Protein backbone atom coordinates (compact mmCIF):
# COMPACT_ATOMS: atom_id res chain seq x y z
CA MET A 1 77.52 154.72 -36.37
CA MET A 2 80.32 154.55 -39.03
CA ASN A 3 83.94 153.78 -38.05
CA PHE A 4 86.33 155.93 -40.03
CA GLU A 5 89.48 154.44 -38.53
CA LEU A 6 91.98 152.68 -40.72
CA THR A 7 92.50 149.01 -40.20
CA GLU A 8 95.90 147.65 -39.26
CA GLU A 9 96.22 146.35 -42.88
CA HIS A 10 95.46 149.91 -44.25
CA ILE A 11 98.10 151.40 -41.93
CA ALA A 12 100.63 148.75 -43.00
CA VAL A 13 100.00 149.39 -46.71
CA GLN A 14 100.22 153.13 -46.14
CA GLN A 15 103.49 152.91 -44.27
CA ALA A 16 104.95 150.52 -46.86
CA ALA A 17 104.02 152.92 -49.69
CA ARG A 18 105.39 155.85 -47.58
CA ASP A 19 108.69 154.00 -46.90
CA PHE A 20 109.03 153.11 -50.63
CA ALA A 21 108.42 156.62 -51.73
CA GLN A 22 111.00 158.01 -49.30
CA THR A 23 113.69 155.42 -49.86
CA GLU A 24 113.28 154.54 -53.56
CA LEU A 25 111.42 157.39 -55.29
CA LEU A 26 112.68 160.52 -53.49
CA PRO A 27 116.36 159.98 -54.37
CA GLY A 28 116.79 161.41 -57.90
CA VAL A 29 113.06 162.41 -58.42
CA ILE A 30 114.07 166.00 -59.47
CA ASP A 31 116.73 164.86 -61.86
CA ARG A 32 114.31 162.23 -63.43
CA ASP A 33 111.76 164.97 -63.89
CA ASN A 34 114.17 167.52 -65.21
CA ASN A 35 115.62 164.97 -67.66
CA GLN A 36 112.25 163.57 -68.55
CA GLU A 37 113.38 160.03 -67.62
CA PHE A 38 110.99 157.17 -67.05
CA PRO A 39 111.58 155.65 -63.57
CA TYR A 40 112.27 152.11 -64.84
CA GLU A 41 114.00 150.70 -61.76
CA GLN A 42 111.46 152.25 -59.36
CA ILE A 43 108.48 150.94 -61.37
CA LYS A 44 110.03 147.49 -61.41
CA LYS A 45 110.31 147.62 -57.64
CA LEU A 46 106.68 148.87 -57.33
CA GLY A 47 105.68 145.71 -59.32
CA GLU A 48 107.73 143.41 -57.20
CA LEU A 49 106.08 144.84 -54.08
CA GLY A 50 102.58 144.28 -55.51
CA PHE A 51 101.69 147.92 -55.98
CA LEU A 52 100.92 147.64 -59.74
CA GLY A 53 98.11 145.07 -59.26
CA MET A 54 96.86 146.06 -55.83
CA MET A 55 93.16 145.26 -56.31
CA VAL A 56 93.59 142.41 -58.76
CA ASP A 57 92.61 138.97 -57.49
CA PRO A 58 95.61 137.00 -56.27
CA LYS A 59 94.72 134.16 -58.75
CA TYR A 60 95.79 136.64 -61.45
CA GLY A 61 98.99 137.72 -59.68
CA GLY A 62 97.47 140.70 -57.87
CA SER A 63 97.52 141.74 -54.20
CA GLY A 64 93.76 141.41 -53.68
CA MET A 65 93.48 144.61 -51.65
CA ASP A 66 90.59 146.91 -51.23
CA ALA A 67 90.11 150.40 -52.71
CA ILE A 68 91.07 152.15 -49.44
CA SER A 69 94.45 150.35 -49.51
CA TYR A 70 94.89 151.46 -53.12
CA VAL A 71 94.03 155.09 -52.42
CA LEU A 72 96.36 155.19 -49.36
CA ALA A 73 99.26 153.84 -51.41
CA MET A 74 98.51 156.19 -54.33
CA GLU A 75 98.53 159.14 -51.96
CA GLU A 76 101.93 158.23 -50.54
CA ILE A 77 103.51 157.59 -53.91
CA SER A 78 101.97 160.74 -55.46
CA LYS A 79 103.33 162.96 -52.71
CA VAL A 80 106.90 162.18 -53.82
CA ASP A 81 106.89 161.15 -57.56
CA ALA A 82 104.16 162.20 -59.95
CA SER A 83 105.58 160.11 -62.80
CA ALA A 84 105.61 156.90 -60.73
CA SER A 85 102.11 157.58 -59.40
CA VAL A 86 100.70 158.04 -62.92
CA VAL A 87 102.22 154.72 -63.97
CA MET A 88 100.80 153.03 -60.87
CA SER A 89 97.39 154.61 -61.35
CA VAL A 90 97.07 153.79 -65.07
CA ASN A 91 98.32 150.20 -64.47
CA ASN A 92 95.83 149.57 -61.62
CA SER A 93 92.77 151.63 -62.47
CA LEU A 94 92.59 151.78 -66.16
CA VAL A 95 94.34 148.65 -67.45
CA CYS A 96 94.13 145.97 -64.72
CA TRP A 97 90.69 146.87 -63.62
CA GLY A 98 89.40 146.86 -67.27
CA LEU A 99 90.97 143.48 -68.03
CA GLU A 100 89.79 141.84 -64.84
CA THR A 101 86.30 143.21 -65.16
CA PHE A 102 85.73 142.78 -68.92
CA GLY A 103 88.45 140.53 -70.29
CA ASN A 104 88.00 136.95 -71.12
CA GLU A 105 90.07 134.22 -69.41
CA GLU A 106 92.66 134.07 -72.31
CA GLN A 107 93.23 137.87 -72.03
CA LYS A 108 93.55 137.63 -68.25
CA GLN A 109 96.16 134.88 -68.48
CA LYS A 110 98.10 136.63 -71.22
CA TYR A 111 97.96 140.23 -70.05
CA LEU A 112 96.50 140.62 -66.61
CA ILE A 113 98.87 138.30 -64.76
CA PRO A 114 102.06 140.07 -65.99
CA LEU A 115 100.53 143.46 -65.59
CA ALA A 116 99.53 142.81 -61.99
CA LYS A 117 102.99 141.40 -61.23
CA GLY A 118 104.67 144.48 -62.85
CA GLU A 119 106.27 142.36 -65.53
CA MET A 120 104.42 144.40 -68.14
CA HIS A 121 103.20 147.97 -67.97
CA GLY A 122 99.77 149.22 -68.96
CA ALA A 123 99.22 152.46 -70.88
CA PHE A 124 96.68 154.36 -72.75
CA CYS A 125 96.65 157.08 -75.38
CA LEU A 126 94.33 160.03 -75.35
CA SER A 127 95.04 162.66 -77.94
CA GLU A 128 93.71 164.25 -81.11
CA PRO A 129 95.24 167.06 -83.16
CA GLU A 130 92.33 169.51 -82.50
CA ALA A 131 91.53 168.37 -78.90
CA GLY A 132 94.90 167.43 -77.37
CA SER A 133 94.07 165.40 -74.20
CA ASP A 134 90.73 167.06 -73.55
CA ALA A 135 88.53 163.91 -73.72
CA THR A 136 85.34 165.86 -73.93
CA SER A 137 86.40 167.55 -77.17
CA GLN A 138 87.58 164.39 -78.93
CA ARG A 139 85.77 163.40 -82.15
CA THR A 140 87.30 159.98 -83.15
CA THR A 141 84.67 157.29 -83.28
CA ALA A 142 84.62 153.50 -83.56
CA GLU A 143 81.86 151.76 -85.58
CA ASP A 144 81.07 148.09 -84.62
CA LYS A 145 81.44 146.01 -87.75
CA GLY A 146 80.56 142.69 -85.97
CA ASP A 147 83.90 140.95 -85.96
CA HIS A 148 85.97 144.17 -85.75
CA TYR A 149 85.69 147.90 -85.13
CA LEU A 150 86.30 150.59 -87.73
CA VAL A 151 88.03 153.53 -86.11
CA MET A 152 87.36 156.82 -87.90
CA GLU A 153 89.40 159.93 -87.34
CA PRO A 154 87.56 163.18 -87.07
CA LYS A 155 87.01 165.32 -90.16
CA THR A 156 89.08 168.45 -90.06
CA GLY A 157 88.38 171.82 -91.65
C-alpha cells in the first residue's frame, strides 16, 4: 500500500513557500506585472532561502531536497507571482539540473554554485522569427564540428 501523506519536511517547505509568497511576493505583484518589472528583490530573497537550487546537492550550494518539495514550493510561488515562479522554475529545472547532471566539475564550481545560491540567475532563449516560442516548429540546427558546434539558422523563403 502506498502512503500519499506529505512528510513533515514537505509540509515545512510548502508552508515556507506559502509564507514567502504571501509576505514577499503578493505585495506589489499587480504593479510589477502591469509595469513589466523584474522582481529583483524577491528573486534575491528566494535565492537566500534556498529556493533557487532546491534539488542541487548541498556540496554545490543547493538545498538537496527532493522533487516533491520542489513541486510543493513551485505550486505556492506560482499561485501568487507567475514571474517569480518562472524564474524559480528555469533556474532549478533547466539550468541547475542540466549543469549538475551534465556539467564538468569546473562548470559546476563556476556556475552551479552561484546559481544554486541565487547569486546568479539562469535563463534560456527559445525563439525564431518563423516559429516564435513554439519549440516543435523551430528549424535552427547545430552541427558538431568536433571542438565546437556550428549553429545554423533556418533558411527562410
